[in-house]
Amino acid sequence: MLKDTPCSMKVFDVLRQMNAVRQIEAADLMIGQHNFTLMFARAIRAATPHSQLVAAKKMTGAAASTPPGQQIARMERELAALQTQVKSVEETYGIDNLHLTVARGYVAKLLASTRITRWLSYHRQEYLGEFQKIAEIDPQPEALDA
C-alpha cells in the first residue's frame, strides 16, 4: 500500500512492530492523512493496543520506550480531532473551490471594463492591484479534472 509513497525505511521498521491487520489500518491512516513521517508512524504505534503489537524480541532506544496510558489517550483524542478536521475540509473543498473560481472569473470580467479599471486606478489604487492579482490566478489543475 505504501510502495509509491515517500515513506522512509524507518517507517516500515515501526510498522513491522504491529500485527498484519494493524499494519493495514496504519497504512490506510497514513495514506488518508497524507502523512508518511516517522513521527506519525511512531504515534500510531504508540496508540496501538498491546494486543495488536508483535511480541518484540529485544527493543532498544526510542522503540523500547512506550508512552504511559495518559499520553496514549491524549494522542488518540488529538488524532480523532485531526481526522474530524480533515473530513470537514474534504467536504467543503469542492464547493469552496467553485466559489473561488466564480469570484475570480467575476473579478476578471470587471477588470476587462476600462471604465471600472480607470475608476479604480483613480479612487482605489490598492484595490486595483489586489483585484489584478486575483484575476491572474490560474485555476488549479485538480479543479479542471473534476
C-alpha atoms as a PDB file:
ATOM      1  CA  MET A   1       0.000   0.000   0.000  1.00  0.00           C
ATOM      2  CA  LEU A   2       2.872   2.374   0.747  1.00  0.00           C
ATOM      3  CA  LYS A   3       5.179   1.389  -2.106  1.00  0.00           C
ATOM      4  CA  ASP A   4       4.504   4.548  -4.162  1.00  0.00           C
ATOM      5  CA  THR A   5       4.696   6.962  -1.236  1.00  0.00           C
ATOM      6  CA  PRO A   6       7.602   8.995   0.118  1.00  0.00           C
ATOM      7  CA  CYS A   7       7.997   6.666   3.113  1.00  0.00           C
ATOM      8  CA  SER A   8      11.351   6.152   4.771  1.00  0.00           C
ATOM      9  CA  MET A   9      12.564   2.667   5.629  1.00  0.00           C
ATOM     10  CA  LYS A  10      12.383   3.511   9.337  1.00  0.00           C
ATOM     11  CA  VAL A  11       8.607   3.879   8.973  1.00  0.00           C
ATOM     12  CA  PHE A  12       8.448   0.282   7.767  1.00  0.00           C
ATOM     13  CA  ASP A  13      10.502  -0.783  10.798  1.00  0.00           C
ATOM     14  CA  VAL A  14       7.878   0.806  13.028  1.00  0.00           C
ATOM     15  CA  LEU A  15       5.042  -0.817  11.068  1.00  0.00           C
ATOM     16  CA  ARG A  16       6.677  -4.249  11.441  1.00  0.00           C
ATOM     17  CA  GLN A  17       6.199  -3.930  15.195  1.00  0.00           C
ATOM     18  CA  MET A  18       2.425  -4.241  14.636  1.00  0.00           C
ATOM     19  CA  ASN A  19       0.430  -7.258  13.564  1.00  0.00           C
ATOM     20  CA  ALA A  20      -0.720  -7.510   9.942  1.00  0.00           C
ATOM     21  CA  VAL A  21      -4.230  -6.139  10.479  1.00  0.00           C
ATOM     22  CA  ARG A  22      -2.928  -3.135  12.402  1.00  0.00           C
ATOM     23  CA  GLN A  23      -0.291  -2.531   9.695  1.00  0.00           C
ATOM     24  CA  ILE A  24      -3.054  -2.236   7.114  1.00  0.00           C
ATOM     25  CA  GLU A  25      -5.018   0.123   9.370  1.00  0.00           C
ATOM     26  CA  ALA A  26      -1.893   2.217   9.960  1.00  0.00           C
ATOM     27  CA  ALA A  27      -1.113   2.362   6.237  1.00  0.00           C
ATOM     28  CA  ASP A  28      -4.709   3.431   5.493  1.00  0.00           C
ATOM     29  CA  LEU A  29      -4.439   6.118   8.135  1.00  0.00           C
ATOM     30  CA  MET A  30      -1.126   7.376   6.762  1.00  0.00           C
ATOM     31  CA  ILE A  31      -2.489   7.469   3.211  1.00  0.00           C
ATOM     32  CA  GLY A  32      -5.695   9.181   4.334  1.00  0.00           C
ATOM     33  CA  GLN A  33      -3.767  11.857   6.202  1.00  0.00           C
ATOM     34  CA  HIS A  34      -1.036  12.125   3.515  1.00  0.00           C
ATOM     35  CA  ASN A  35       1.452  11.905   6.370  1.00  0.00           C
ATOM     36  CA  PHE A  36       4.264   9.390   5.877  1.00  0.00           C
ATOM     37  CA  THR A  37       6.637  10.650   8.544  1.00  0.00           C
ATOM     38  CA  LEU A  38       8.426   8.548  11.109  1.00  0.00           C
ATOM     39  CA  MET A  39       6.874  10.588  13.925  1.00  0.00           C
ATOM     40  CA  PHE A  40       3.356   9.829  12.664  1.00  0.00           C
ATOM     41  CA  ALA A  41       4.165   6.121  12.386  1.00  0.00           C
ATOM     42  CA  ARG A  42       5.505   6.159  15.945  1.00  0.00           C
ATOM     43  CA  ALA A  43       2.361   7.928  17.137  1.00  0.00           C
ATOM     44  CA  ILE A  44       0.221   5.246  15.510  1.00  0.00           C
ATOM     45  CA  ARG A  45       2.353   2.545  17.125  1.00  0.00           C
ATOM     46  CA  ALA A  46       2.028   4.279  20.493  1.00  0.00           C
ATOM     47  CA  ALA A  47      -1.748   4.370  20.104  1.00  0.00           C
ATOM     48  CA  THR A  48      -1.856   0.687  19.174  1.00  0.00           C
ATOM     49  CA  PRO A  49      -3.133  -1.664  21.880  1.00  0.00           C
ATOM     50  CA  HIS A  50      -0.597  -4.215  23.112  1.00  0.00           C
ATOM     51  CA  SER A  51      -2.767  -6.991  21.725  1.00  0.00           C
ATOM     52  CA  GLN A  52      -2.073  -5.697  18.205  1.00  0.00           C
ATOM     53  CA  LEU A  53       1.681  -5.413  18.641  1.00  0.00           C
ATOM     54  CA  VAL A  54       4.108  -8.116  17.592  1.00  0.00           C
ATOM     55  CA  ALA A  55       5.951  -9.612  20.544  1.00  0.00           C
ATOM     56  CA  ALA A  56       9.324  -7.921  20.279  1.00  0.00           C
ATOM     57  CA  LYS A  57      12.445  -9.949  20.927  1.00  0.00           C
ATOM     58  CA  LYS A  58      14.606  -7.073  22.043  1.00  0.00           C
ATOM     59  CA  MET A  59      13.683  -3.465  21.540  1.00  0.00           C
ATOM     60  CA  THR A  60      16.177  -0.762  22.438  1.00  0.00           C
ATOM     61  CA  GLY A  61      16.349   3.020  22.414  1.00  0.00           C
ATOM     62  CA  ALA A  62      13.312   5.043  21.415  1.00  0.00           C
ATOM     63  CA  ALA A  63      11.438   1.954  20.255  1.00  0.00           C
ATOM     64  CA  ALA A  64      11.643   0.424  23.731  1.00  0.00           C
ATOM     65  CA  SER A  65      10.070   3.369  25.490  1.00  0.00           C
ATOM     66  CA  THR A  66       6.301   3.334  25.285  1.00  0.00           C
ATOM     67  CA  PRO A  67       4.302   6.306  26.481  1.00  0.00           C
ATOM     68  CA  PRO A  68       2.082   5.964  29.540  1.00  0.00           C
ATOM     69  CA  GLY A  69      -1.640   5.376  29.111  1.00  0.00           C
ATOM     70  CA  GLN A  70      -2.482   9.023  29.727  1.00  0.00           C
ATOM     71  CA  GLN A  71      -0.315  10.144  26.814  1.00  0.00           C
ATOM     72  CA  ILE A  72      -1.809   7.471  24.580  1.00  0.00           C
ATOM     73  CA  ALA A  73      -5.326   8.624  25.429  1.00  0.00           C
ATOM     74  CA  ARG A  74      -4.373  12.246  24.704  1.00  0.00           C
ATOM     75  CA  MET A  75      -2.803  11.252  21.370  1.00  0.00           C
ATOM     76  CA  GLU A  76      -5.920   9.265  20.439  1.00  0.00           C
ATOM     77  CA  ARG A  77      -8.105  12.314  21.185  1.00  0.00           C
ATOM     78  CA  GLU A  78      -5.826  14.581  19.140  1.00  0.00           C
ATOM     79  CA  LEU A  79      -5.806  12.103  16.253  1.00  0.00           C
ATOM     80  CA  ALA A  80      -9.612  11.880  16.303  1.00  0.00           C
ATOM     81  CA  ALA A  81      -9.868  15.684  16.318  1.00  0.00           C
ATOM     82  CA  LEU A  82      -7.421  15.908  13.416  1.00  0.00           C
ATOM     83  CA  GLN A  83      -9.364  13.331  11.417  1.00  0.00           C
ATOM     84  CA  THR A  84     -12.575  15.296  12.013  1.00  0.00           C
ATOM     85  CA  GLN A  85     -10.919  18.491  10.791  1.00  0.00           C
ATOM     86  CA  VAL A  86      -9.584  16.757   7.679  1.00  0.00           C
ATOM     87  CA  LYS A  87     -13.020  15.336   6.850  1.00  0.00           C
ATOM     88  CA  SER A  88     -14.563  18.776   7.308  1.00  0.00           C
ATOM     89  CA  VAL A  89     -12.056  20.316   4.902  1.00  0.00           C
ATOM     90  CA  GLU A  90     -12.578  17.490   2.400  1.00  0.00           C
ATOM     91  CA  GLU A  91     -16.351  18.030   2.496  1.00  0.00           C
ATOM     92  CA  THR A  92     -16.150  21.781   1.845  1.00  0.00           C
ATOM     93  CA  TYR A  93     -13.159  21.849  -0.527  1.00  0.00           C
ATOM     94  CA  GLY A  94     -15.125  21.335  -3.737  1.00  0.00           C
ATOM     95  CA  ILE A  95     -17.756  23.987  -3.078  1.00  0.00           C
ATOM     96  CA  ASP A  96     -15.151  26.454  -1.778  1.00  0.00           C
ATOM     97  CA  ASN A  97     -13.063  25.903  -4.903  1.00  0.00           C
ATOM     98  CA  LEU A  98     -16.131  26.506  -7.070  1.00  0.00           C
ATOM     99  CA  HIS A  99     -16.920  29.762  -5.231  1.00  0.00           C
ATOM    100  CA  LEU A 100     -13.348  30.974  -5.616  1.00  0.00           C
ATOM    101  CA  THR A 101     -13.325  30.135  -9.336  1.00  0.00           C
ATOM    102  CA  VAL A 102     -16.579  32.008  -9.911  1.00  0.00           C
ATOM    103  CA  ALA A 103     -15.323  35.002  -7.901  1.00  0.00           C
ATOM    104  CA  ARG A 104     -12.059  35.045  -9.855  1.00  0.00           C
ATOM    105  CA  GLY A 105     -13.962  34.998 -13.138  1.00  0.00           C
ATOM    106  CA  TYR A 106     -16.221  37.823 -11.978  1.00  0.00           C
ATOM    107  CA  VAL A 107     -13.268  39.992 -10.929  1.00  0.00           C
ATOM    108  CA  ALA A 108     -11.522  39.313 -14.247  1.00  0.00           C
ATOM    109  CA  LYS A 109     -14.674  40.303 -16.123  1.00  0.00           C
ATOM    110  CA  LEU A 110     -14.956  43.533 -14.110  1.00  0.00           C
ATOM    111  CA  LEU A 111     -11.338  44.413 -14.825  1.00  0.00           C
ATOM    112  CA  ALA A 112     -11.959  43.899 -18.540  1.00  0.00           C
ATOM    113  CA  SER A 113     -14.071  47.058 -18.418  1.00  0.00           C
ATOM    114  CA  THR A 114     -11.863  50.099 -18.993  1.00  0.00           C
ATOM    115  CA  ARG A 115     -14.285  52.379 -17.106  1.00  0.00           C
ATOM    116  CA  ILE A 116     -14.073  50.245 -13.960  1.00  0.00           C
ATOM    117  CA  THR A 117     -10.309  49.888 -14.232  1.00  0.00           C
ATOM    118  CA  ARG A 118      -9.883  53.652 -14.707  1.00  0.00           C
ATOM    119  CA  TRP A 119     -12.140  54.449 -11.738  1.00  0.00           C
ATOM    120  CA  LEU A 120     -10.269  52.006  -9.513  1.00  0.00           C
ATOM    121  CA  SER A 121      -6.910  53.433 -10.580  1.00  0.00           C
ATOM    122  CA  TYR A 122      -8.010  56.975  -9.603  1.00  0.00           C
ATOM    123  CA  HIS A 123     -10.003  56.231  -6.444  1.00  0.00           C
ATOM    124  CA  ARG A 124      -8.854  52.867  -5.065  1.00  0.00           C
ATOM    125  CA  GLN A 125      -5.392  52.088  -6.412  1.00  0.00           C
ATOM    126  CA  GLU A 126      -4.733  49.484  -3.678  1.00  0.00           C
ATOM    127  CA  TYR A 127      -7.908  47.599  -4.613  1.00  0.00           C
ATOM    128  CA  LEU A 128      -6.977  47.584  -8.274  1.00  0.00           C
ATOM    129  CA  GLY A 129      -3.635  45.918  -7.530  1.00  0.00           C
ATOM    130  CA  GLU A 130      -5.270  43.229  -5.407  1.00  0.00           C
ATOM    131  CA  PHE A 131      -8.041  42.612  -7.959  1.00  0.00           C
ATOM    132  CA  GLN A 132      -5.435  42.211 -10.684  1.00  0.00           C
ATOM    133  CA  LYS A 133      -3.598  39.618  -8.587  1.00  0.00           C
ATOM    134  CA  ILE A 134      -6.852  37.709  -8.085  1.00  0.00           C
ATOM    135  CA  ALA A 135      -7.709  37.844 -11.789  1.00  0.00           C
ATOM    136  CA  GLU A 136      -4.259  36.486 -12.725  1.00  0.00           C
ATOM    137  CA  ILE A 137      -4.562  33.387 -10.549  1.00  0.00           C
ATOM    138  CA  ASP A 138      -4.583  30.258 -12.683  1.00  0.00           C
ATOM    139  CA  PRO A 139      -7.153  27.636 -11.766  1.00  0.00           C
ATOM    140  CA  GLN A 140      -5.632  24.571 -10.136  1.00  0.00           C
ATOM    141  CA  PRO A 141      -5.180  21.516 -12.384  1.00  0.00           C
ATOM    142  CA  GLU A 142      -7.158  19.362  -9.905  1.00  0.00           C
ATOM    143  CA  ALA A 143     -10.143  21.684 -10.289  1.00  0.00           C
ATOM    144  CA  LEU A 144     -10.065  21.229 -14.053  1.00  0.00           C
ATOM    145  CA  ASP A 145     -10.038  17.426 -13.782  1.00  0.00           C
ATOM    146  CA  ALA A 146     -13.167  17.315 -11.608  1.00  0.00           C
END
